[in-house]
C-alpha atoms as a PDB file:
ATOM      1  CA  MET A   1     -90.943 -86.772  15.495  1.00  0.00           C
ATOM      2  CA  ARG A   2     -90.738 -85.311  19.582  1.00  0.00           C
ATOM      3  CA  ALA A   3     -87.090 -86.408  19.338  1.00  0.00           C
ATOM      4  CA  SER A   4     -86.266 -84.775  15.380  1.00  0.00           C
ATOM      5  CA  PHE A   5     -87.467 -81.861  16.073  1.00  0.00           C
ATOM      6  CA  SER A   6     -85.478 -81.507  19.649  1.00  0.00           C
ATOM      7  CA  ALA A   7     -83.115 -82.496  18.087  1.00  0.00           C
ATOM      8  CA  VAL A   8     -83.095 -80.097  15.064  1.00  0.00           C
ATOM      9  CA  ALA A   9     -84.086 -77.758  17.950  1.00  0.00           C
ATOM     10  CA  LEU A  10     -80.524 -77.813  19.309  1.00  0.00           C
ATOM     11  CA  ALA A  11     -77.910 -77.964  16.725  1.00  0.00           C
ATOM     12  CA  ALA A  12     -79.696 -74.634  15.921  1.00  0.00           C
ATOM     13  CA  LEU A  13     -79.369 -73.750  19.582  1.00  0.00           C
ATOM     14  CA  VAL A  14     -75.457 -74.607  19.218  1.00  0.00           C
ATOM     15  CA  VAL A  15     -75.256 -73.219  15.534  1.00  0.00           C
ATOM     16  CA  PHE A  16     -77.016 -69.145  16.611  1.00  0.00           C
ATOM     17  CA  GLY A  17     -75.464 -68.709  20.125  1.00  0.00           C
ATOM     18  CA  THR A  18     -71.667 -70.105  19.560  1.00  0.00           C
ATOM     19  CA  PRO A  19     -71.343 -66.600  17.553  1.00  0.00           C
ATOM     20  CA  SER A  20     -73.373 -64.585  20.420  1.00  0.00           C
ATOM     21  CA  ALA A  21     -70.843 -66.207  22.520  1.00  0.00           C
ATOM     22  CA  ALA A  22     -67.826 -65.081  20.564  1.00  0.00           C
ATOM     23  CA  SER A  23     -68.931 -61.987  20.643  1.00  0.00           C
ATOM     24  CA  ALA A  24     -69.543 -61.887  23.687  1.00  0.00           C
ATOM     25  CA  ALA A  25     -65.470 -62.788  24.714  1.00  0.00           C
ATOM     26  CA  VAL A  26     -64.255 -60.401  21.801  1.00  0.00           C
ATOM     27  CA  ILE A  27     -66.571 -56.712  23.127  1.00  0.00           C
ATOM     28  CA  GLY A  28     -65.506 -57.764  26.711  1.00  0.00           C
ATOM     29  CA  THR A  29     -61.751 -57.858  26.715  1.00  0.00           C
ATOM     30  CA  ALA A  30     -60.100 -54.467  26.490  1.00  0.00           C
ATOM     31  CA  SER A  31     -58.062 -53.031  22.557  1.00  0.00           C
ATOM     32  CA  PRO A  32     -53.926 -52.473  23.458  1.00  0.00           C
ATOM     33  CA  GLN A  33     -54.358 -48.893  22.532  1.00  0.00           C
ATOM     34  CA  PRO A  34     -51.558 -47.025  20.799  1.00  0.00           C
ATOM     35  CA  ALA A  35     -48.739 -45.236  22.134  1.00  0.00           C
ATOM     36  CA  ALA A  36     -49.214 -41.867  22.459  1.00  0.00           C
ATOM     37  CA  LEU A  37     -47.083 -39.757  19.989  1.00  0.00           C
ATOM     38  CA  ALA A  38     -44.334 -36.815  21.008  1.00  0.00           C
ATOM     39  CA  VAL A  39     -46.382 -33.325  19.933  1.00  0.00           C
ATOM     40  CA  THR A  40     -44.181 -30.039  19.854  1.00  0.00           C
ATOM     41  CA  GLU A  41     -45.990 -26.753  19.379  1.00  0.00           C
ATOM     42  CA  THR A  42     -44.562 -23.974  16.669  1.00  0.00           C
ATOM     43  CA  VAL A  43     -45.790 -19.968  17.915  1.00  0.00           C
ATOM     44  CA  PRO A  44     -45.234 -18.498  14.968  1.00  0.00           C
ATOM     45  CA  ASP A  45     -43.427 -14.558  15.804  1.00  0.00           C
ATOM     46  CA  ASP A  46     -45.854 -11.643  14.464  1.00  0.00           C
ATOM     47  CA  ASP A  47     -43.505 -11.621  11.770  1.00  0.00           C
ATOM     48  CA  GLY A  48     -45.174 -14.912  10.548  1.00  0.00           C
ATOM     49  CA  SER A  49     -41.249 -16.218  11.461  1.00  0.00           C
ATOM     50  CA  ASP A  50     -41.612 -19.716  13.341  1.00  0.00           C
ATOM     51  CA  GLY A  51     -39.791 -18.660  16.102  1.00  0.00           C
ATOM     52  CA  TYR A  52     -35.715 -19.189  14.492  1.00  0.00           C
ATOM     53  CA  MET A  53     -34.257 -15.616  12.983  1.00  0.00           C
ATOM     54  CA  PRO A  54     -30.094 -16.863  12.601  1.00  0.00           C
ATOM     55  CA  GLY A  55     -27.985 -13.188  12.968  1.00  0.00           C
ATOM     56  CA  SER A  56     -27.334 -11.901   8.868  1.00  0.00           C
ATOM     57  CA  PRO A  57     -23.712 -10.690   8.437  1.00  0.00           C
ATOM     58  CA  GLU A  58     -24.297  -7.181   7.411  1.00  0.00           C
ATOM     59  CA  GLU A  59     -22.208  -6.332   3.836  1.00  0.00           C
ATOM     60  CA  PRO A  60     -19.202  -4.922   3.009  1.00  0.00           C
ATOM     61  CA  THR A  61     -19.585  -1.016   1.278  1.00  0.00           C
ATOM     62  CA  LEU A  62     -16.865   1.532  -0.530  1.00  0.00           C
ATOM     63  CA  ALA A  63     -19.808   3.768  -0.030  1.00  0.00           C
ATOM     64  CA  GLY A  64     -18.327   7.529   0.100  1.00  0.00           C
ATOM     65  CA  SER A  65     -15.064   6.200  -1.794  1.00  0.00           C
ATOM     66  CA  PHE A  66     -13.837   8.006  -4.986  1.00  0.00           C
ATOM     67  CA  ALA A  67     -11.427   9.443  -7.861  1.00  0.00           C
ATOM     68  CA  VAL A  68     -11.039  12.199 -10.052  1.00  0.00           C
ATOM     69  CA  GLY A  69      -8.609  13.037 -12.511  1.00  0.00           C
ATOM     70  CA  ASP A  70      -7.100  16.620 -11.763  1.00  0.00           C
ATOM     71  CA  CYS A  71      -3.961  17.863 -13.870  1.00  0.00           C
ATOM     72  CA  VAL A  72      -1.105  19.740 -11.746  1.00  0.00           C
ATOM     73  CA  ARG A  73       2.256  21.485 -13.764  1.00  0.00           C
ATOM     74  CA  ASP A  74       1.030  20.025 -17.126  1.00  0.00           C
ATOM     75  CA  VAL A  75       0.926  16.504 -15.737  1.00  0.00           C
ATOM     76  CA  PRO A  76      -1.996  14.416 -15.101  1.00  0.00           C
ATOM     77  CA  TRP A  77      -3.062  12.446 -11.926  1.00  0.00           C
ATOM     78  CA  ILE A  78      -5.993  10.750 -10.547  1.00  0.00           C
ATOM     79  CA  ASN A  79      -6.720  11.953  -7.283  1.00  0.00           C
ATOM     80  CA  PHE A  80      -9.108   9.134  -4.857  1.00  0.00           C
ATOM     81  CA  ALA A  81     -10.081   8.493  -1.483  1.00  0.00           C
ATOM     82  CA  VAL A  82     -10.943   4.830  -0.332  1.00  0.00           C
ATOM     83  CA  GLU A  83     -13.067   3.986   2.479  1.00  0.00           C
ATOM     84  CA  LEU A  84     -13.946   0.614   3.898  1.00  0.00           C
ATOM     85  CA  THR A  85     -17.565  -0.116   5.503  1.00  0.00           C
ATOM     86  CA  ASP A  86     -16.672  -3.694   6.948  1.00  0.00           C
ATOM     87  CA  PRO A  87     -18.896  -3.422  10.767  1.00  0.00           C
ATOM     88  CA  ASP A  88     -18.524  -8.003  10.148  1.00  0.00           C
ATOM     89  CA  SER A  89     -15.189  -7.806   9.750  1.00  0.00           C
ATOM     90  CA  GLN A  90     -15.693  -9.905   6.481  1.00  0.00           C
ATOM     91  CA  VAL A  91     -12.766  -8.238   3.923  1.00  0.00           C
ATOM     92  CA  THR A  92      -9.738 -10.031   4.479  1.00  0.00           C
ATOM     93  CA  THR A  93      -8.082  -8.022   1.671  1.00  0.00           C
ATOM     94  CA  THR A  94      -6.345  -4.803   2.641  1.00  0.00           C
ATOM     95  CA  ALA A  95      -5.071  -4.053  -1.242  1.00  0.00           C
ATOM     96  CA  VAL A  96      -7.473  -1.231  -3.170  1.00  0.00           C
ATOM     97  CA  THR A  97      -6.963  -1.568  -7.379  1.00  0.00           C
ATOM     98  CA  LEU A  98      -8.630   0.957  -9.970  1.00  0.00           C
ATOM     99  CA  VAL A  99      -9.329  -0.088 -13.193  1.00  0.00           C
ATOM    100  CA  LEU A 100     -10.824   1.778 -16.365  1.00  0.00           C
ATOM    101  CA  SER A 101     -12.113   0.586 -19.739  1.00  0.00           C
ATOM    102  CA  ASP A 102     -13.540   1.506 -22.208  1.00  0.00           C
ATOM    103  CA  GLY A 103     -15.460  -1.850 -23.225  1.00  0.00           C
ATOM    104  CA  THR A 104     -13.170  -2.315 -25.364  1.00  0.00           C
ATOM    105  CA  ASN A 105      -9.282  -2.072 -23.401  1.00  0.00           C
ATOM    106  CA  SER A 106      -8.835  -2.400 -20.121  1.00  0.00           C
ATOM    107  CA  VAL A 107      -6.159  -1.672 -17.165  1.00  0.00           C
ATOM    108  CA  THR A 108      -5.419  -2.899 -13.860  1.00  0.00           C
ATOM    109  CA  ILE A 109      -4.204   0.587 -11.965  1.00  0.00           C
ATOM    110  CA  PRO A 110      -2.736   0.255  -8.086  1.00  0.00           C
ATOM    111  CA  LEU A 111      -3.118   1.833  -5.162  1.00  0.00           C
ATOM    112  CA  GLY A 112      -2.034   1.115  -2.413  1.00  0.00           C
ATOM    113  CA  GLN A 113      -3.632  -0.733   1.189  1.00  0.00           C
ATOM    114  CA  LEU A 114      -5.408  -0.265   3.568  1.00  0.00           C
ATOM    115  CA  ALA A 115      -4.845   0.931   7.084  1.00  0.00           C
ATOM    116  CA  GLY A 116      -7.999   1.249   8.863  1.00  0.00           C
ATOM    117  CA  ASN A 117     -10.310   0.295   6.693  1.00  0.00           C
ATOM    118  CA  GLU A 118      -8.997   3.568   4.260  1.00  0.00           C
ATOM    119  CA  LEU A 119      -6.316   5.545   1.583  1.00  0.00           C
ATOM    120  CA  SER A 120      -5.897   8.382  -0.444  1.00  0.00           C
ATOM    121  CA  GLY A 121      -3.691  10.185  -2.235  1.00  0.00           C
ATOM    122  CA  ARG A 122      -2.784  10.430  -6.027  1.00  0.00           C
ATOM    123  CA  VAL A 123      -1.210   8.399  -9.263  1.00  0.00           C
ATOM    124  CA  LEU A 124      -0.014   8.942 -12.280  1.00  0.00           C
ATOM    125  CA  TRP A 125      -2.955   9.079 -15.488  1.00  0.00           C
ATOM    126  CA  PRO A 126      -2.032   5.546 -17.045  1.00  0.00           C
ATOM    127  CA  GLY A 127       0.853   7.208 -20.039  1.00  0.00           C
ATOM    128  CA  ALA A 128       1.943   9.585 -18.860  1.00  0.00           C
ATOM    129  CA  THR A 129       5.281  10.264 -16.847  1.00  0.00           C
ATOM    130  CA  VAL A 130       7.744  12.351 -15.030  1.00  0.00           C
ATOM    131  CA  ASP A 131      11.379  13.489 -14.122  1.00  0.00           C
ATOM    132  CA  ALA A 132      12.748  12.930 -10.862  1.00  0.00           C
ATOM    133  CA  ASP A 133      11.814  16.884 -10.198  1.00  0.00           C
ATOM    134  CA  GLY A 134       8.099  16.335 -10.898  1.00  0.00           C
ATOM    135  CA  ASP A 135       8.322  17.481 -14.325  1.00  0.00           C
ATOM    136  CA  PRO A 136       5.572  16.114 -17.190  1.00  0.00           C
ATOM    137  CA  THR A 137       7.486  13.651 -19.984  1.00  0.00           C
ATOM    138  CA  GLY A 138       5.117  11.785 -21.636  1.00  0.00           C
ATOM    139  CA  TRP A 139       0.880  11.903 -21.707  1.00  0.00           C
ATOM    140  CA  PRO A 140      -1.199   8.783 -22.520  1.00  0.00           C
ATOM    141  CA  GLY A 141      -1.679   8.753 -26.846  1.00  0.00           C
ATOM    142  CA  TRP A 142       0.963  10.535 -27.025  1.00  0.00           C
ATOM    143  CA  GLU A 143       4.576   9.683 -28.420  1.00  0.00           C
ATOM    144  CA  PHE A 144       8.283  11.997 -29.107  1.00  0.00           C
ATOM    145  CA  VAL A 145       9.498  10.831 -33.004  1.00  0.00           C
ATOM    146  CA  ASP A 146      11.977  12.518 -34.527  1.00  0.00           C
ATOM    147  CA  GLY A 147      12.540  15.800 -32.039  1.00  0.00           C
ATOM    148  CA  GLU A 148       9.060  16.478 -31.875  1.00  0.00           C
ATOM    149  CA  TRP A 149       5.229  14.642 -30.281  1.00  0.00           C
ATOM    150  CA  ARG A 150       3.005  13.170 -32.412  1.00  0.00           C
ATOM    151  CA  THR A 151      -0.067  11.606 -31.112  1.00  0.00           C
ATOM    152  CA  THR A 152      -0.921   7.794 -32.117  1.00  0.00           C
ATOM    153  CA  ASP A 153      -3.773   5.553 -30.089  1.00  0.00           C
ATOM    154  CA  GLY A 154      -0.745   3.754 -28.000  1.00  0.00           C
ATOM    155  CA  ASN A 155       0.365   4.578 -25.182  1.00  0.00           C
ATOM    156  CA  PHE A 156      -3.182   4.670 -23.477  1.00  0.00           C
ATOM    157  CA  ALA A 157      -4.688   6.874 -25.296  1.00  0.00           C
ATOM    158  CA  TRP A 158      -8.377   5.062 -25.019  1.00  0.00           C
ATOM    159  CA  THR A 159      -8.060   6.265 -21.431  1.00  0.00           C
ATOM    160  CA  ARG A 160      -8.550  10.353 -22.599  1.00  0.00           C
ATOM    161  CA  GLY A 161     -11.711   9.268 -24.729  1.00  0.00           C
ATOM    162  CA  ASP A 162     -15.878   7.511 -22.820  1.00  0.00           C
ATOM    163  CA  ILE A 163     -14.713   4.842 -20.415  1.00  0.00           C
ATOM    164  CA  SER A 164     -15.351   3.367 -16.745  1.00  0.00           C
ATOM    165  CA  ALA A 165     -13.190   3.238 -13.570  1.00  0.00           C
ATOM    166  CA  VAL A 166     -14.345   0.782 -10.315  1.00  0.00           C
ATOM    167  CA  ILE A 167     -13.116   0.753  -6.722  1.00  0.00           C
ATOM    168  CA  SER A 168     -11.971  -3.047  -6.023  1.00  0.00           C
ATOM    169  CA  VAL A 169     -11.546  -4.207  -2.133  1.00  0.00           C
ATOM    170  CA  ASN A 170     -13.893  -6.931  -2.607  1.00  0.00           C
ATOM    171  CA  PRO A 171     -16.590  -5.110  -2.538  1.00  0.00           C
ATOM    172  CA  GLU A 172     -16.557  -2.596  -5.356  1.00  0.00           C
ATOM    173  CA  ILE A 173     -18.094   0.111  -6.903  1.00  0.00           C
ATOM    174  CA  ALA A 174     -18.412   1.899  -9.571  1.00  0.00           C
ATOM    175  CA  VAL A 175     -16.916   6.302  -9.371  1.00  0.00           C
ATOM    176  CA  PRO A 176     -17.193   8.779 -12.013  1.00  0.00           C
ATOM    177  CA  LEU A 177     -13.537   9.562 -13.788  1.00  0.00           C
ATOM    178  CA  SER A 178     -12.155  11.226 -16.466  1.00  0.00           C
ATOM    179  CA  TYR A 179      -9.288  12.403 -17.889  1.00  0.00           C
ATOM    180  CA  PRO A 180      -8.707  16.186 -17.058  1.00  0.00           C
ATOM    181  CA  PRO A 181      -8.915  19.021 -19.156  1.00  0.00           C
ATOM    182  CA  ALA A 182      -6.608  21.444 -20.333  1.00  0.00           C
ATOM    183  CA  SER A 183      -6.715  25.278 -18.686  1.00  0.00           C
ATOM    184  CA  PRO A 184      -4.602  28.227 -19.169  1.00  0.00           C
ATOM    185  CA  VAL A 185      -2.682  26.880 -16.456  1.00  0.00           C
ATOM    186  CA  CYS A 186      -2.145  23.879 -17.686  1.00  0.00           C
ATOM    187  CA  VAL A 187      -2.559  21.898 -20.134  1.00  0.00           C
ATOM    188  CA  THR A 188      -1.923  18.382 -20.283  1.00  0.00           C
ATOM    189  CA  GLY A 189      -0.641  17.385 -23.511  1.00  0.00           C
ATOM    190  CA  PRO A 190       2.781  18.799 -24.592  1.00  0.00           C
ATOM    191  CA  ARG A 191       2.938  22.309 -25.001  1.00  0.00           C
ATOM    192  CA  THR A 192       2.414  22.655 -28.639  1.00  0.00           C
ATOM    193  CA  ALA A 193       1.848  26.074 -29.009  1.00  0.00           C
ATOM    194  CA  GLN A 194      -1.723  24.152 -31.173  1.00  0.00           C
ATOM    195  CA  ALA A 195      -2.385  22.706 -27.623  1.00  0.00           C
ATOM    196  CA  VAL A 196      -1.084  26.434 -25.813  1.00  0.00           C
ATOM    197  CA  ALA A 197      -4.054  27.963 -28.091  1.00  0.00           C
ATOM    198  CA  ALA A 198      -6.772  24.847 -27.953  1.00  0.00           C
ATOM    199  CA  ALA A 199      -5.998  25.755 -23.730  1.00  0.00           C
ATOM    200  CA  GLY A 200      -6.931  29.140 -23.790  1.00  0.00           C
ATOM    201  CA  GLY A 201      -2.638  30.535 -24.076  1.00  0.00           C
ATOM    202  CA  GLY A 202      -3.042  32.514 -26.874  1.00  0.00           C
ATOM    203  CA  SER A 203      -1.658  35.509 -24.311  1.00  0.00           C
ATOM    204  CA  GLY A 204       1.140  33.225 -23.350  1.00  0.00           C
ATOM    205  CA  LEU A 205       0.432  32.856 -19.815  1.00  0.00           C
ATOM    206  CA  ALA A 206      -0.169  29.092 -20.499  1.00  0.00           C
ATOM    207  CA  ALA A 207       2.653  28.541 -22.396  1.00  0.00           C
ATOM    208  CA  THR A 208       4.852  29.729 -18.137  1.00  0.00           C
ATOM    209  CA  GLY A 209       2.734  28.208 -16.446  1.00  0.00           C
ATOM    210  CA  GLY A 210       1.849  31.462 -14.635  1.00  0.00           C
ATOM    211  CA  THR A 211      -1.345  31.858 -12.374  1.00  0.00           C
ATOM    212  CA  THR A 212      -3.430  35.184 -11.620  1.00  0.00           C
ATOM    213  CA  ALA A 213      -2.503  35.385  -8.718  1.00  0.00           C
ATOM    214  CA  GLN A 214       1.825  35.322  -9.100  1.00  0.00           C
ATOM    215  CA  ILE A 215       0.421  37.760 -12.240  1.00  0.00           C
ATOM    216  CA  LEU A 216      -1.103  40.544 -10.175  1.00  0.00           C
ATOM    217  CA  PRO A 217       2.121  41.779  -8.085  1.00  0.00           C
ATOM    218  CA  ILE A 218       3.908  42.690 -11.398  1.00  0.00           C
ATOM    219  CA  ALA A 219       1.270  44.164 -13.352  1.00  0.00           C
ATOM    220  CA  ALA A 220       0.440  46.211  -9.476  1.00  0.00           C
ATOM    221  CA  LEU A 221       4.536  46.700  -9.493  1.00  0.00           C
ATOM    222  CA  GLY A 222       4.630  47.570 -13.119  1.00  0.00           C
ATOM    223  CA  GLY A 223       1.402  50.355 -12.551  1.00  0.00           C
ATOM    224  CA  VAL A 224       3.336  51.918  -9.644  1.00  0.00           C
ATOM    225  CA  ILE A 225       6.087  52.438 -12.037  1.00  0.00           C
ATOM    226  CA  VAL A 226       4.110  54.087 -14.071  1.00  0.00           C
ATOM    227  CA  VAL A 227       2.398  56.830 -12.319  1.00  0.00           C
ATOM    228  CA  GLY A 228       5.857  57.567 -10.488  1.00  0.00           C
ATOM    229  CA  GLY A 229       7.721  58.923 -13.653  1.00  0.00           C
ATOM    230  CA  ALA A 230       4.169  60.476 -15.524  1.00  0.00           C
ATOM    231  CA  GLY A 231       4.837  62.855 -11.564  1.00  0.00           C
ATOM    232  CA  LEU A 232       8.338  62.816 -11.769  1.00  0.00           C
ATOM    233  CA  LEU A 233       7.736  64.322 -15.283  1.00  0.00           C
ATOM    234  CA  MET A 234       5.117  66.732 -14.343  1.00  0.00           C
ATOM    235  CA  LEU A 235       7.436  68.294 -11.333  1.00  0.00           C
ATOM    236  CA  ARG A 236       9.752  69.075 -13.446  1.00  0.00           C
ATOM    237  CA  GLY A 237       7.978  70.558 -15.974  1.00  0.00           C
ATOM    238  CA  ARG A 238       6.733  72.930 -13.736  1.00  0.00           C
ATOM    239  CA  ARG A 239      10.086  73.399 -12.039  1.00  0.00           C
ATOM    240  CA  ARG A 240      11.340  74.999 -15.764  1.00  0.00           C
ATOM    241  CA  SER A 241       8.132  76.985 -16.004  1.00  0.00           C
END
């Protein structure tokens, strides 16, 4: 029995003692450490960005440009001035156009080429024509038939109504523009009796195209003649007496 007990004790020692030795061997062995990762830190700016702010080009603009209708010697014109602001030289074209539209019809009018980012001048209103001397020979919404002027829905008649206007270079800008109104010194259509009266020229001033500055010297001269004639008559009456 002693021999048997000794055998059992020895077996238990082998069974339970072996794992402990193995555990001691594992614990005593240094485990390999993973390689250190490269870490970079981004410090944000005060505005919350990540520190990288690429420069944004400034958008070009046509601010300050305009177009306006004008009547000169019974001829409708469009006076214009175009100014391009392009600090980063993004605009690659110099051609300038003016686009008129009433929502249904439209017409594109070439204005010219920018020089030093500027352009100014005047162009005839669409449908208007002049002769070699600059005198009017046609107006929008009018036609000459059988020796007389008649109104028509053609010949850009729509441009005399409510229209929009856009100056375009790429960029573009919308500008207010309307057909120039008639006045006693400038009729923006044929000089018919009705047109002259509608322009306020019933006295004949509009028919001649004269201005107040032109009429005043004539009136003053007439007054001098009248006063001088009256003085001579009085002088003759005294002599006779």
